[in-house]
Amino acid sequence: MIRGAVFFDVDGTLTPTSSGQHLAELVGNAKEIAQIQAGYGAGTLSSDEACVLEARGWASRTPAEAQAFLESMPLVDGIVETVSWCQAHSLVPVLATLAWDFVGTYLCSRFGFDRACGPRLQIVDGRYSGEVAEQFDEQAKRDFAVRVAAELGVELRHCAAIGDGRSDVPLFSVVGCAIAFNATPEARAAASATVNGPDLHAVVPGLSAWLETIALPAN
């Protein structure tokens, strides 16, 4: 039985800062990545522009290197408990993120998220080329959620989203419940509820209250 879905952002939501900033320590361009991400957050860089700039630092690195470095990526507390709560209430936990696709794949494998989205780095002869193979912006993130809801056979009003920043705003506008978690003013303004703290499980009361206000179908 699937009653709905909950879409979780990664950077700034499941991670205290961003997966890109953590991975920049491997690539060796932490200062540049911080400037790129600040530009995106401020709206001076588009998602596509930020991806192109970040991808350059990956030239000659391998997927295995990236995967190994993800093991030490800082994460907020309560991810396991929150995913388990969703599953216990027949809500499919999904990652809707602009983090590189391998980040989402790793988190799905580790915590049990159903699926993930994200931009993709080009691989040539087993190594990243420094180019972007597939772009993915905030509108694509919203569209991904729309497609997933359709594939699961649930209405968007029976879906929720948890996020913290600019890339979550379009998604917040189409779901039945939008919770801003440790969020920017822009995301808080677009959300139906705001939660702050170091533990993701703090969003569960808001999700529970939302479930009580609507009649969710049993598929």
N, C-alpha and C. Protein backbone atom coordinates (compact mmCIF):
# COMPACT_ATOMS: atom_id res chain seq x y z
N MET A 1 0.84 -1.20 0.00
CA MET A 1 0.00 0.00 0.00
C MET A 1 0.87 1.25 0.00
N ILE A 2 0.64 2.14 -0.92
CA ILE A 2 1.35 3.41 -0.98
C ILE A 2 0.34 4.53 -0.79
N ARG A 3 0.54 5.33 0.23
CA ARG A 3 -0.39 6.42 0.52
C ARG A 3 0.11 7.76 0.01
N GLY A 4 1.40 7.90 -0.17
CA GLY A 4 1.98 9.17 -0.62
C GLY A 4 3.48 9.07 -0.68
N ALA A 5 4.14 10.20 -0.82
CA ALA A 5 5.60 10.24 -0.88
C ALA A 5 6.10 11.46 -0.12
N VAL A 6 7.31 11.35 0.40
CA VAL A 6 7.99 12.48 1.03
C VAL A 6 9.31 12.69 0.31
N PHE A 7 9.49 13.89 -0.24
CA PHE A 7 10.68 14.22 -1.00
C PHE A 7 11.65 15.00 -0.11
N PHE A 8 12.87 14.48 0.00
CA PHE A 8 13.89 15.08 0.85
C PHE A 8 14.99 15.69 0.00
N ASP A 9 15.35 16.92 0.30
CA ASP A 9 16.55 17.53 -0.27
C ASP A 9 17.78 16.93 0.41
N VAL A 10 18.95 17.11 -0.19
CA VAL A 10 20.19 16.60 0.41
C VAL A 10 21.03 17.75 0.97
N ASP A 11 21.55 18.59 0.10
CA ASP A 11 22.50 19.63 0.54
C ASP A 11 21.83 20.67 1.44
N GLY A 12 22.33 20.76 2.67
CA GLY A 12 21.77 21.70 3.63
C GLY A 12 20.59 21.13 4.39
N THR A 13 20.09 19.97 3.96
CA THR A 13 18.96 19.32 4.64
C THR A 13 19.44 18.04 5.31
N LEU A 14 19.88 17.08 4.52
CA LEU A 14 20.46 15.87 5.11
C LEU A 14 21.92 16.08 5.51
N THR A 15 22.56 17.05 4.87
CA THR A 15 23.94 17.40 5.24
C THR A 15 23.94 18.78 5.89
N PRO A 16 24.79 19.00 6.90
CA PRO A 16 24.82 20.31 7.56
C PRO A 16 25.21 21.45 6.62
N THR A 17 26.09 21.18 5.67
CA THR A 17 26.47 22.21 4.71
C THR A 17 26.06 21.74 3.32
N SER A 18 26.97 21.09 2.60
CA SER A 18 26.61 20.52 1.30
C SER A 18 27.55 19.38 0.96
N SER A 19 27.02 18.43 0.19
CA SER A 19 27.86 17.32 -0.26
C SER A 19 28.98 17.83 -1.16
N GLY A 20 28.67 18.85 -1.95
CA GLY A 20 29.69 19.41 -2.85
C GLY A 20 30.86 20.01 -2.09
N GLN A 21 30.57 20.67 -0.98
CA GLN A 21 31.65 21.26 -0.19
C GLN A 21 32.51 20.18 0.45
N HIS A 22 31.87 19.11 0.90
CA HIS A 22 32.63 17.99 1.47
C HIS A 22 33.51 17.34 0.40
N LEU A 23 32.93 17.09 -0.76
CA LEU A 23 33.68 16.45 -1.84
C LEU A 23 34.80 17.35 -2.37
N ALA A 24 34.65 18.65 -2.19
CA ALA A 24 35.69 19.58 -2.64
C ALA A 24 37.00 19.35 -1.90
N GLU A 25 36.91 18.78 -0.70
CA GLU A 25 38.14 18.47 0.04
C GLU A 25 38.92 17.37 -0.67
N LEU A 26 38.20 16.45 -1.32
CA LEU A 26 38.86 15.41 -2.12
C LEU A 26 39.44 16.01 -3.39
N VAL A 27 38.63 16.83 -4.06
CA VAL A 27 39.05 17.39 -5.34
C VAL A 27 40.14 18.44 -5.14
N GLY A 28 40.15 19.09 -3.98
CA GLY A 28 41.17 20.09 -3.70
C GLY A 28 40.81 21.49 -4.13
N ASN A 29 39.49 21.78 -4.23
CA ASN A 29 39.08 23.11 -4.65
C ASN A 29 37.97 23.66 -3.76
N ALA A 30 38.14 23.49 -2.46
CA ALA A 30 37.10 23.87 -1.50
C ALA A 30 36.74 25.35 -1.60
N LYS A 31 37.73 26.21 -1.76
CA LYS A 31 37.46 27.65 -1.83
C LYS A 31 36.62 27.97 -3.06
N GLU A 32 36.97 27.39 -4.19
CA GLU A 32 36.22 27.65 -5.43
C GLU A 32 34.79 27.14 -5.32
N ILE A 33 34.61 25.95 -4.74
CA ILE A 33 33.27 25.39 -4.60
C ILE A 33 32.42 26.25 -3.68
N ALA A 34 33.01 26.75 -2.61
CA ALA A 34 32.27 27.62 -1.70
C ALA A 34 31.78 28.87 -2.43
N GLN A 35 32.62 29.43 -3.30
CA GLN A 35 32.23 30.62 -4.05
C GLN A 35 31.13 30.30 -5.05
N ILE A 36 31.24 29.15 -5.71
CA ILE A 36 30.22 28.74 -6.69
C ILE A 36 28.88 28.54 -6.00
N GLN A 37 28.88 27.83 -4.87
CA GLN A 37 27.63 27.56 -4.19
C GLN A 37 27.02 28.82 -3.59
N ALA A 38 27.86 29.74 -3.16
CA ALA A 38 27.36 31.02 -2.68
C ALA A 38 26.71 31.80 -3.82
N GLY A 39 27.31 31.71 -5.00
CA GLY A 39 26.74 32.37 -6.17
C GLY A 39 25.38 31.81 -6.54
N TYR A 40 25.24 30.49 -6.45
CA TYR A 40 23.94 29.89 -6.75
C TYR A 40 22.92 30.31 -5.70
N GLY A 41 23.31 30.26 -4.43
CA GLY A 41 22.39 30.63 -3.37
C GLY A 41 21.93 32.07 -3.48
N ALA A 42 22.82 32.94 -3.96
CA ALA A 42 22.49 34.36 -4.11
C ALA A 42 21.75 34.67 -5.40
N GLY A 43 21.69 33.68 -6.30
CA GLY A 43 21.00 33.89 -7.56
C GLY A 43 21.85 34.51 -8.66
N THR A 44 23.16 34.64 -8.42
CA THR A 44 24.03 35.21 -9.45
C THR A 44 24.53 34.15 -10.43
N LEU A 45 24.39 32.89 -10.05
CA LEU A 45 24.71 31.77 -10.93
C LEU A 45 23.48 30.88 -11.06
N SER A 46 23.20 30.41 -12.26
CA SER A 46 22.14 29.43 -12.44
C SER A 46 22.66 28.06 -12.01
N SER A 47 21.74 27.11 -11.87
CA SER A 47 22.15 25.75 -11.53
C SER A 47 23.06 25.18 -12.60
N ASP A 48 22.72 25.41 -13.87
CA ASP A 48 23.55 24.90 -14.96
C ASP A 48 24.95 25.48 -14.92
N GLU A 49 25.04 26.78 -14.67
CA GLU A 49 26.35 27.43 -14.61
C GLU A 49 27.17 26.90 -13.44
N ALA A 50 26.52 26.70 -12.30
CA ALA A 50 27.22 26.18 -11.13
C ALA A 50 27.72 24.76 -11.39
N CYS A 51 26.90 23.94 -12.06
CA CYS A 51 27.31 22.56 -12.36
C CYS A 51 28.54 22.53 -13.26
N VAL A 52 28.54 23.35 -14.29
CA VAL A 52 29.67 23.39 -15.22
C VAL A 52 30.95 23.76 -14.48
N LEU A 53 30.87 24.75 -13.61
CA LEU A 53 32.05 25.19 -12.87
C LEU A 53 32.52 24.12 -11.89
N GLU A 54 31.58 23.48 -11.19
CA GLU A 54 31.97 22.44 -10.24
C GLU A 54 32.55 21.22 -10.94
N ALA A 55 31.99 20.88 -12.10
CA ALA A 55 32.43 19.68 -12.81
C ALA A 55 33.90 19.74 -13.21
N ARG A 56 34.39 20.92 -13.50
CA ARG A 56 35.78 21.06 -13.94
C ARG A 56 36.77 20.49 -12.93
N GLY A 57 36.45 20.62 -11.66
CA GLY A 57 37.35 20.13 -10.63
C GLY A 57 37.42 18.62 -10.54
N TRP A 58 36.49 17.94 -11.21
CA TRP A 58 36.46 16.48 -11.15
C TRP A 58 37.29 15.81 -12.23
N ALA A 59 37.85 16.58 -13.14
CA ALA A 59 38.64 16.01 -14.23
C ALA A 59 39.73 15.08 -13.70
N SER A 60 39.75 13.86 -14.21
CA SER A 60 40.74 12.80 -13.92
C SER A 60 40.42 12.00 -12.66
N ARG A 61 39.44 12.44 -11.86
CA ARG A 61 39.05 11.67 -10.69
C ARG A 61 38.19 10.49 -11.11
N THR A 62 38.04 9.50 -10.22
CA THR A 62 37.28 8.30 -10.56
C THR A 62 36.02 8.18 -9.69
N PRO A 63 35.00 7.48 -10.18
CA PRO A 63 33.82 7.22 -9.36
C PRO A 63 34.16 6.52 -8.05
N ALA A 64 35.14 5.64 -8.07
CA ALA A 64 35.53 4.94 -6.85
C ALA A 64 36.07 5.91 -5.80
N GLU A 65 36.83 6.90 -6.23
CA GLU A 65 37.33 7.91 -5.30
C GLU A 65 36.19 8.68 -4.67
N ALA A 66 35.23 9.07 -5.48
CA ALA A 66 34.08 9.82 -4.98
C ALA A 66 33.28 8.98 -4.00
N GLN A 67 33.04 7.73 -4.35
CA GLN A 67 32.26 6.85 -3.49
C GLN A 67 32.94 6.67 -2.13
N ALA A 68 34.25 6.48 -2.14
CA ALA A 68 34.97 6.28 -0.88
C ALA A 68 34.89 7.52 0.00
N PHE A 69 34.93 8.69 -0.63
CA PHE A 69 34.94 9.92 0.15
C PHE A 69 33.57 10.22 0.74
N LEU A 70 32.52 9.68 0.15
CA LEU A 70 31.18 9.90 0.68
C LEU A 70 31.00 9.24 2.05
N GLU A 71 31.79 8.23 2.33
CA GLU A 71 31.67 7.53 3.61
C GLU A 71 31.89 8.47 4.80
N SER A 72 32.68 9.52 4.59
CA SER A 72 32.97 10.44 5.68
C SER A 72 32.15 11.73 5.60
N MET A 73 31.14 11.77 4.73
CA MET A 73 30.34 12.97 4.56
C MET A 73 29.51 13.24 5.82
N PRO A 74 29.58 14.44 6.40
CA PRO A 74 28.76 14.76 7.59
C PRO A 74 27.28 14.74 7.24
N LEU A 75 26.48 14.16 8.13
CA LEU A 75 25.03 14.08 7.94
C LEU A 75 24.33 14.49 9.23
N VAL A 76 23.12 14.99 9.10
CA VAL A 76 22.34 15.31 10.29
C VAL A 76 21.91 14.02 10.98
N ASP A 77 21.55 14.12 12.24
CA ASP A 77 21.02 12.98 12.96
C ASP A 77 19.59 12.68 12.50
N GLY A 78 19.12 11.50 12.80
CA GLY A 78 17.71 11.18 12.63
C GLY A 78 17.26 10.75 11.25
N ILE A 79 18.21 10.53 10.32
CA ILE A 79 17.80 10.11 8.98
C ILE A 79 17.16 8.73 9.01
N VAL A 80 17.81 7.80 9.70
CA VAL A 80 17.28 6.43 9.78
C VAL A 80 15.87 6.44 10.38
N GLU A 81 15.68 7.16 11.47
CA GLU A 81 14.40 7.19 12.14
C GLU A 81 13.31 7.84 11.27
N THR A 82 13.69 8.87 10.53
CA THR A 82 12.70 9.57 9.70
C THR A 82 12.29 8.73 8.50
N VAL A 83 13.26 8.06 7.88
CA VAL A 83 12.94 7.16 6.77
C VAL A 83 12.04 6.03 7.27
N SER A 84 12.36 5.49 8.42
CA SER A 84 11.56 4.40 8.99
C SER A 84 10.14 4.87 9.29
N TRP A 85 10.00 6.10 9.78
CA TRP A 85 8.66 6.64 10.06
C TRP A 85 7.85 6.74 8.78
N CYS A 86 8.47 7.24 7.72
CA CYS A 86 7.78 7.34 6.43
C CYS A 86 7.31 5.96 5.97
N GLN A 87 8.19 5.01 6.02
CA GLN A 87 7.85 3.67 5.55
C GLN A 87 6.75 3.04 6.41
N ALA A 88 6.78 3.29 7.71
CA ALA A 88 5.75 2.75 8.60
C ALA A 88 4.39 3.36 8.34
N HIS A 89 4.37 4.56 7.74
CA HIS A 89 3.11 5.23 7.43
C HIS A 89 2.78 5.15 5.94
N SER A 90 3.41 4.21 5.25
CA SER A 90 3.15 3.95 3.82
C SER A 90 3.43 5.17 2.96
N LEU A 91 4.42 5.97 3.35
CA LEU A 91 4.88 7.12 2.57
C LEU A 91 6.25 6.77 2.00
N VAL A 92 6.41 6.87 0.71
CA VAL A 92 7.67 6.50 0.06
C VAL A 92 8.69 7.62 0.23
N PRO A 93 9.84 7.36 0.86
CA PRO A 93 10.87 8.40 1.01
C PRO A 93 11.72 8.49 -0.25
N VAL A 94 11.82 9.68 -0.81
CA VAL A 94 12.52 9.90 -2.08
C VAL A 94 13.48 11.08 -1.92
N LEU A 95 14.63 11.01 -2.57
CA LEU A 95 15.57 12.13 -2.58
C LEU A 95 15.33 12.99 -3.80
N ALA A 96 14.99 14.25 -3.58
CA ALA A 96 14.84 15.22 -4.66
C ALA A 96 15.91 16.28 -4.44
N THR A 97 16.97 16.23 -5.23
CA THR A 97 18.18 16.98 -4.92
C THR A 97 18.90 17.45 -6.17
N LEU A 98 19.72 18.48 -6.00
CA LEU A 98 20.61 18.94 -7.06
C LEU A 98 22.04 18.48 -6.81
N ALA A 99 22.24 17.64 -5.79
CA ALA A 99 23.56 17.05 -5.57
C ALA A 99 23.87 16.10 -6.73
N TRP A 100 25.14 15.86 -6.99
CA TRP A 100 25.52 14.92 -8.04
C TRP A 100 24.80 13.59 -7.87
N ASP A 101 24.47 12.94 -8.95
CA ASP A 101 23.64 11.74 -8.89
C ASP A 101 24.27 10.63 -8.03
N PHE A 102 25.59 10.54 -8.00
CA PHE A 102 26.22 9.48 -7.20
C PHE A 102 26.03 9.71 -5.71
N VAL A 103 25.79 10.96 -5.31
CA VAL A 103 25.49 11.24 -3.90
C VAL A 103 24.14 10.63 -3.53
N GLY A 104 23.14 10.86 -4.37
CA GLY A 104 21.83 10.29 -4.13
C GLY A 104 21.84 8.78 -4.14
N THR A 105 22.59 8.18 -5.06
CA THR A 105 22.70 6.72 -5.13
C THR A 105 23.28 6.16 -3.84
N TYR A 106 24.30 6.82 -3.33
CA TYR A 106 24.93 6.39 -2.08
C TYR A 106 23.94 6.47 -0.91
N LEU A 107 23.20 7.57 -0.81
CA LEU A 107 22.27 7.75 0.30
C LEU A 107 21.09 6.79 0.21
N CYS A 108 20.65 6.48 -1.00
CA CYS A 108 19.59 5.48 -1.18
C CYS A 108 20.06 4.13 -0.66
N SER A 109 21.27 3.76 -1.02
CA SER A 109 21.81 2.47 -0.60
C SER A 109 22.00 2.41 0.91
N ARG A 110 22.42 3.51 1.50
CA ARG A 110 22.74 3.51 2.93
C ARG A 110 21.50 3.60 3.81
N PHE A 111 20.50 4.40 3.38
CA PHE A 111 19.37 4.68 4.27
C PHE A 111 18.02 4.13 3.80
N GLY A 112 17.93 3.66 2.57
CA GLY A 112 16.69 3.08 2.12
C GLY A 112 15.74 4.02 1.42
N PHE A 113 16.23 5.18 0.97
CA PHE A 113 15.39 6.03 0.13
C PHE A 113 15.06 5.26 -1.15
N ASP A 114 13.88 5.51 -1.69
CA ASP A 114 13.40 4.73 -2.82
C ASP A 114 14.15 5.03 -4.11
N ARG A 115 14.47 6.29 -4.35
CA ARG A 115 15.16 6.70 -5.57
C ARG A 115 15.66 8.13 -5.39
N ALA A 116 16.45 8.59 -6.36
CA ALA A 116 17.02 9.93 -6.27
C ALA A 116 17.19 10.51 -7.66
N CYS A 117 17.42 11.81 -7.70
CA CYS A 117 17.70 12.50 -8.96
C CYS A 117 18.99 13.30 -8.80
N GLY A 118 19.35 14.09 -9.79
CA GLY A 118 20.52 14.94 -9.69
C GLY A 118 21.30 15.02 -10.98
N PRO A 119 22.14 16.03 -11.13
CA PRO A 119 22.99 16.16 -12.32
C PRO A 119 24.03 15.05 -12.36
N ARG A 120 24.55 14.80 -13.55
CA ARG A 120 25.46 13.66 -13.73
C ARG A 120 26.75 14.12 -14.41
N LEU A 121 27.87 13.67 -13.84
CA LEU A 121 29.19 13.96 -14.42
C LEU A 121 29.48 13.01 -15.57
N GLN A 122 30.15 13.52 -16.59
CA GLN A 122 30.56 12.69 -17.72
C GLN A 122 31.74 11.80 -17.32
N ILE A 123 31.68 10.54 -17.75
CA ILE A 123 32.77 9.59 -17.49
C ILE A 123 33.36 9.15 -18.82
N VAL A 124 34.66 9.24 -18.95
CA VAL A 124 35.38 8.81 -20.15
C VAL A 124 36.52 7.90 -19.71
N ASP A 125 36.51 6.68 -20.22
CA ASP A 125 37.55 5.70 -19.87
C ASP A 125 37.68 5.52 -18.37
N GLY A 126 36.54 5.48 -17.68
CA GLY A 126 36.54 5.19 -16.26
C GLY A 126 36.86 6.35 -15.35
N ARG A 127 37.05 7.54 -15.93
CA ARG A 127 37.36 8.72 -15.13
C ARG A 127 36.43 9.87 -15.50
N TYR A 128 36.19 10.74 -14.53
CA TYR A 128 35.40 11.93 -14.82
C TYR A 128 36.18 12.85 -15.75
N SER A 129 35.50 13.38 -16.74
CA SER A 129 36.16 14.20 -17.75
C SER A 129 36.26 15.67 -17.36
N GLY A 130 35.49 16.08 -16.36
CA GLY A 130 35.42 17.49 -16.02
C GLY A 130 34.27 18.19 -16.72
N GLU A 131 33.42 17.40 -17.41
CA GLU A 131 32.26 17.94 -18.10
C GLU A 131 30.97 17.38 -17.47
N VAL A 132 29.87 18.08 -17.71
CA VAL A 132 28.57 17.63 -17.21
C VAL A 132 27.88 16.79 -18.28
N ALA A 133 27.49 15.57 -17.92
CA ALA A 133 26.79 14.70 -18.87
C ALA A 133 25.30 15.00 -18.90
N GLU A 134 24.74 15.42 -17.77
CA GLU A 134 23.30 15.72 -17.70
C GLU A 134 23.07 16.81 -16.67
N GLN A 135 22.44 17.90 -17.09
CA GLN A 135 22.12 18.98 -16.18
C GLN A 135 20.84 18.68 -15.42
N PHE A 136 20.69 19.37 -14.29
CA PHE A 136 19.49 19.16 -13.47
C PHE A 136 19.32 20.40 -12.60
N ASP A 137 18.21 21.15 -12.82
CA ASP A 137 18.01 22.38 -12.05
C ASP A 137 16.78 22.28 -11.16
N GLU A 138 16.41 23.39 -10.53
CA GLU A 138 15.31 23.37 -9.57
C GLU A 138 13.96 23.05 -10.23
N GLN A 139 13.80 23.44 -11.49
CA GLN A 139 12.56 23.09 -12.19
C GLN A 139 12.53 21.59 -12.50
N ALA A 140 13.67 21.04 -12.87
CA ALA A 140 13.75 19.59 -13.12
C ALA A 140 13.51 18.81 -11.83
N LYS A 141 13.93 19.37 -10.73
CA LYS A 141 13.71 18.74 -9.43
C LYS A 141 12.21 18.65 -9.14
N ARG A 142 11.49 19.75 -9.39
CA ARG A 142 10.03 19.72 -9.24
C ARG A 142 9.41 18.71 -10.20
N ASP A 143 9.86 18.73 -11.45
CA ASP A 143 9.29 17.82 -12.46
C ASP A 143 9.57 16.36 -12.11
N PHE A 144 10.74 16.09 -11.52
CA PHE A 144 11.07 14.75 -11.06
C PHE A 144 10.03 14.29 -10.04
N ALA A 145 9.70 15.15 -9.09
CA ALA A 145 8.72 14.80 -8.07
C ALA A 145 7.35 14.54 -8.68
N VAL A 146 6.99 15.35 -9.66
CA VAL A 146 5.71 15.16 -10.35
C VAL A 146 5.67 13.78 -11.02
N ARG A 147 6.78 13.41 -11.69
CA ARG A 147 6.85 12.11 -12.35
C ARG A 147 6.80 10.96 -11.35
N VAL A 148 7.51 11.11 -10.26
CA VAL A 148 7.54 10.04 -9.25
C VAL A 148 6.14 9.84 -8.67
N ALA A 149 5.46 10.93 -8.35
CA ALA A 149 4.11 10.82 -7.81
C ALA A 149 3.20 10.08 -8.79
N ALA A 150 3.33 10.42 -10.08
CA ALA A 150 2.51 9.74 -11.09
C ALA A 150 2.85 8.26 -11.17
N GLU A 151 4.14 7.93 -11.11
CA GLU A 151 4.55 6.53 -11.18
C GLU A 151 4.07 5.74 -9.96
N LEU A 152 4.01 6.41 -8.82
CA LEU A 152 3.54 5.74 -7.60
C LEU A 152 2.02 5.69 -7.53
N GLY A 153 1.36 6.47 -8.39
CA GLY A 153 -0.10 6.48 -8.40
C GLY A 153 -0.70 7.29 -7.28
N VAL A 154 0.01 8.36 -6.84
CA VAL A 154 -0.50 9.21 -5.76
C VAL A 154 -0.61 10.65 -6.25
N GLU A 155 -1.52 11.39 -5.64
CA GLU A 155 -1.67 12.79 -5.99
C GLU A 155 -0.59 13.62 -5.30
N LEU A 156 -0.25 14.74 -5.92
CA LEU A 156 0.78 15.60 -5.33
C LEU A 156 0.34 16.17 -3.98
N ARG A 157 -0.97 16.33 -3.78
CA ARG A 157 -1.43 16.83 -2.48
C ARG A 157 -1.23 15.77 -1.39
N HIS A 158 -0.95 14.56 -1.79
CA HIS A 158 -0.64 13.50 -0.84
C HIS A 158 0.87 13.28 -0.73
N CYS A 159 1.63 14.29 -1.13
CA CYS A 159 3.09 14.25 -1.04
C CYS A 159 3.57 15.42 -0.21
N ALA A 160 4.73 15.24 0.40
CA ALA A 160 5.35 16.29 1.20
C ALA A 160 6.78 16.49 0.71
N ALA A 161 7.36 17.63 1.05
CA ALA A 161 8.75 17.93 0.69
C ALA A 161 9.45 18.57 1.87
N ILE A 162 10.71 18.16 2.08
CA ILE A 162 11.55 18.70 3.15
C ILE A 162 12.78 19.29 2.48
N GLY A 163 13.04 20.58 2.70
CA GLY A 163 14.19 21.21 2.06
C GLY A 163 14.60 22.48 2.76
N ASP A 164 15.65 23.10 2.22
CA ASP A 164 16.21 24.24 2.95
C ASP A 164 16.51 25.47 2.10
N GLY A 165 16.41 25.39 0.77
CA GLY A 165 16.92 26.52 0.00
C GLY A 165 16.20 26.79 -1.31
N ARG A 166 16.88 27.56 -2.13
CA ARG A 166 16.33 28.05 -3.38
C ARG A 166 15.82 26.93 -4.28
N SER A 167 16.54 25.83 -4.34
CA SER A 167 16.15 24.76 -5.27
C SER A 167 14.88 24.04 -4.84
N ASP A 168 14.44 24.25 -3.60
CA ASP A 168 13.25 23.58 -3.11
C ASP A 168 11.97 24.37 -3.36
N VAL A 169 12.08 25.64 -3.68
CA VAL A 169 10.90 26.49 -3.80
C VAL A 169 9.91 26.00 -4.86
N PRO A 170 10.34 25.66 -6.09
CA PRO A 170 9.36 25.15 -7.06
C PRO A 170 8.67 23.88 -6.60
N LEU A 171 9.41 22.99 -5.94
CA LEU A 171 8.82 21.75 -5.43
C LEU A 171 7.84 22.05 -4.31
N PHE A 172 8.18 22.96 -3.42
CA PHE A 172 7.28 23.33 -2.33
C PHE A 172 5.92 23.78 -2.86
N SER A 173 5.91 24.37 -4.04
CA SER A 173 4.67 24.97 -4.57
C SER A 173 3.67 23.93 -5.08
N VAL A 174 4.11 22.67 -5.25
CA VAL A 174 3.21 21.69 -5.86
C VAL A 174 2.79 20.56 -4.93
N VAL A 175 3.40 20.46 -3.75
CA VAL A 175 3.08 19.36 -2.84
C VAL A 175 2.08 19.81 -1.78
N GLY A 176 1.52 18.82 -1.09
CA GLY A 176 0.52 19.12 -0.07
C GLY A 176 1.10 19.64 1.23
N CYS A 177 2.36 19.33 1.50
CA CYS A 177 3.01 19.75 2.73
C CYS A 177 4.47 20.08 2.43
N ALA A 178 4.90 21.27 2.77
CA ALA A 178 6.29 21.70 2.52
C ALA A 178 6.89 22.17 3.83
N ILE A 179 7.95 21.49 4.28
CA ILE A 179 8.59 21.83 5.54
C ILE A 179 10.00 22.35 5.27
N ALA A 180 10.25 23.58 5.70
CA ALA A 180 11.57 24.18 5.58
C ALA A 180 12.40 23.75 6.79
N PHE A 181 13.50 23.05 6.53
CA PHE A 181 14.33 22.52 7.60
C PHE A 181 15.67 23.23 7.60
N ASN A 182 15.97 23.97 8.68
CA ASN A 182 17.20 24.77 8.77
C ASN A 182 17.38 25.60 7.50
N ALA A 183 16.34 26.31 7.14
CA ALA A 183 16.23 26.86 5.79
C ALA A 183 16.56 28.34 5.67
N THR A 184 16.76 28.74 4.42
CA THR A 184 16.95 30.14 4.07
C THR A 184 15.61 30.87 4.16
N PRO A 185 15.64 32.20 4.23
CA PRO A 185 14.37 32.96 4.25
C PRO A 185 13.49 32.67 3.04
N GLU A 186 14.10 32.48 1.88
CA GLU A 186 13.34 32.19 0.67
C GLU A 186 12.57 30.88 0.80
N ALA A 187 13.22 29.85 1.30
CA ALA A 187 12.55 28.56 1.47
C ALA A 187 11.49 28.62 2.57
N ARG A 188 11.79 29.32 3.66
CA ARG A 188 10.81 29.43 4.74
C ARG A 188 9.55 30.13 4.27
N ALA A 189 9.72 31.14 3.42
CA ALA A 189 8.56 31.87 2.92
C ALA A 189 7.67 31.02 2.03
N ALA A 190 8.26 30.02 1.36
CA ALA A 190 7.51 29.15 0.45
C ALA A 190 6.93 27.93 1.13
N ALA A 191 7.34 27.67 2.36
CA ALA A 191 6.95 26.45 3.07
C ALA A 191 5.68 26.64 3.86
N SER A 192 5.06 25.52 4.23
CA SER A 192 3.88 25.56 5.09
C SER A 192 4.24 25.42 6.56
N ALA A 193 5.48 25.02 6.84
CA ALA A 193 5.97 24.90 8.22
C ALA A 193 7.48 25.04 8.22
N THR A 194 8.03 25.46 9.35
CA THR A 194 9.48 25.64 9.48
C THR A 194 9.97 24.90 10.72
N VAL A 195 11.07 24.18 10.56
CA VAL A 195 11.68 23.44 11.67
C VAL A 195 13.17 23.70 11.66
N ASN A 196 13.75 23.90 12.82
CA ASN A 196 15.19 24.08 12.94
C ASN A 196 15.75 23.07 13.94
N GLY A 197 17.01 22.68 13.73
CA GLY A 197 17.64 21.78 14.68
C GLY A 197 18.59 20.83 14.00
N PRO A 198 19.35 20.04 14.78
CA PRO A 198 20.35 19.12 14.23
C PRO A 198 19.83 17.75 13.87
N ASP A 199 18.53 17.49 14.13
CA ASP A 199 17.98 16.14 13.97
C ASP A 199 16.80 16.19 12.99
N LEU A 200 16.92 15.44 11.89
CA LEU A 200 15.87 15.42 10.87
C LEU A 200 14.54 14.93 11.43
N HIS A 201 14.59 14.10 12.45
CA HIS A 201 13.35 13.55 13.01
C HIS A 201 12.43 14.64 13.54
N ALA A 202 12.95 15.85 13.70
CA ALA A 202 12.14 16.98 14.17
C ALA A 202 11.05 17.36 13.17
N VAL A 203 11.15 16.88 11.92
CA VAL A 203 10.10 17.20 10.95
C VAL A 203 8.90 16.27 11.08
N VAL A 204 9.04 15.17 11.82
CA VAL A 204 7.98 14.17 11.90
C VAL A 204 6.69 14.73 12.51
N PRO A 205 6.72 15.53 13.58
CA PRO A 205 5.46 16.08 14.08
C PRO A 205 4.70 16.89 13.01
N GLY A 206 5.43 17.64 12.20
CA GLY A 206 4.78 18.39 11.13
C GLY A 206 4.16 17.47 10.09
N LEU A 207 4.87 16.41 9.75
CA LEU A 207 4.32 15.44 8.81
C LEU A 207 3.11 14.74 9.40
N SER A 208 3.17 14.42 10.67
CA SER A 208 2.04 13.76 11.33
C SER A 208 0.81 14.65 11.34
N ALA A 209 1.01 15.93 11.64
CA ALA A 209 -0.12 16.87 11.65
C ALA A 209 -0.73 17.01 10.27
N TRP A 210 0.11 17.01 9.24
CA TRP A 210 -0.39 17.08 7.87
C TRP A 210 -1.22 15.85 7.54
N LEU A 211 -0.75 14.67 7.90
CA LEU A 211 -1.50 13.45 7.62
C LEU A 211 -2.88 13.46 8.26
N GLU A 212 -2.99 14.09 9.40
CA GLU A 212 -4.27 14.11 10.10
C GLU A 212 -5.29 15.03 9.43
N THR A 213 -4.83 15.93 8.57
CA THR A 213 -5.74 16.91 7.96
C THR A 213 -6.31 16.45 6.63
N ILE A 214 -5.78 15.37 6.07
CA ILE A 214 -6.24 14.93 4.77
C ILE A 214 -6.59 13.46 4.81
N ALA A 215 -7.45 13.09 3.92
CA ALA A 215 -7.82 11.68 3.79
C ALA A 215 -6.94 11.05 2.72
N LEU A 216 -5.97 10.27 3.13
CA LEU A 216 -5.07 9.64 2.17
C LEU A 216 -5.65 8.32 1.69
N PRO A 217 -5.64 8.09 0.39
CA PRO A 217 -6.20 6.84 -0.12
C PRO A 217 -5.28 5.66 0.12
N ALA A 218 -5.84 4.50 0.20
CA ALA A 218 -5.06 3.26 0.25
C ALA A 218 -5.08 2.65 -1.13
N ASN A 219 -3.89 2.50 -1.78
CA ASN A 219 -3.84 1.97 -3.13
C ASN A 219 -3.98 0.45 -3.12
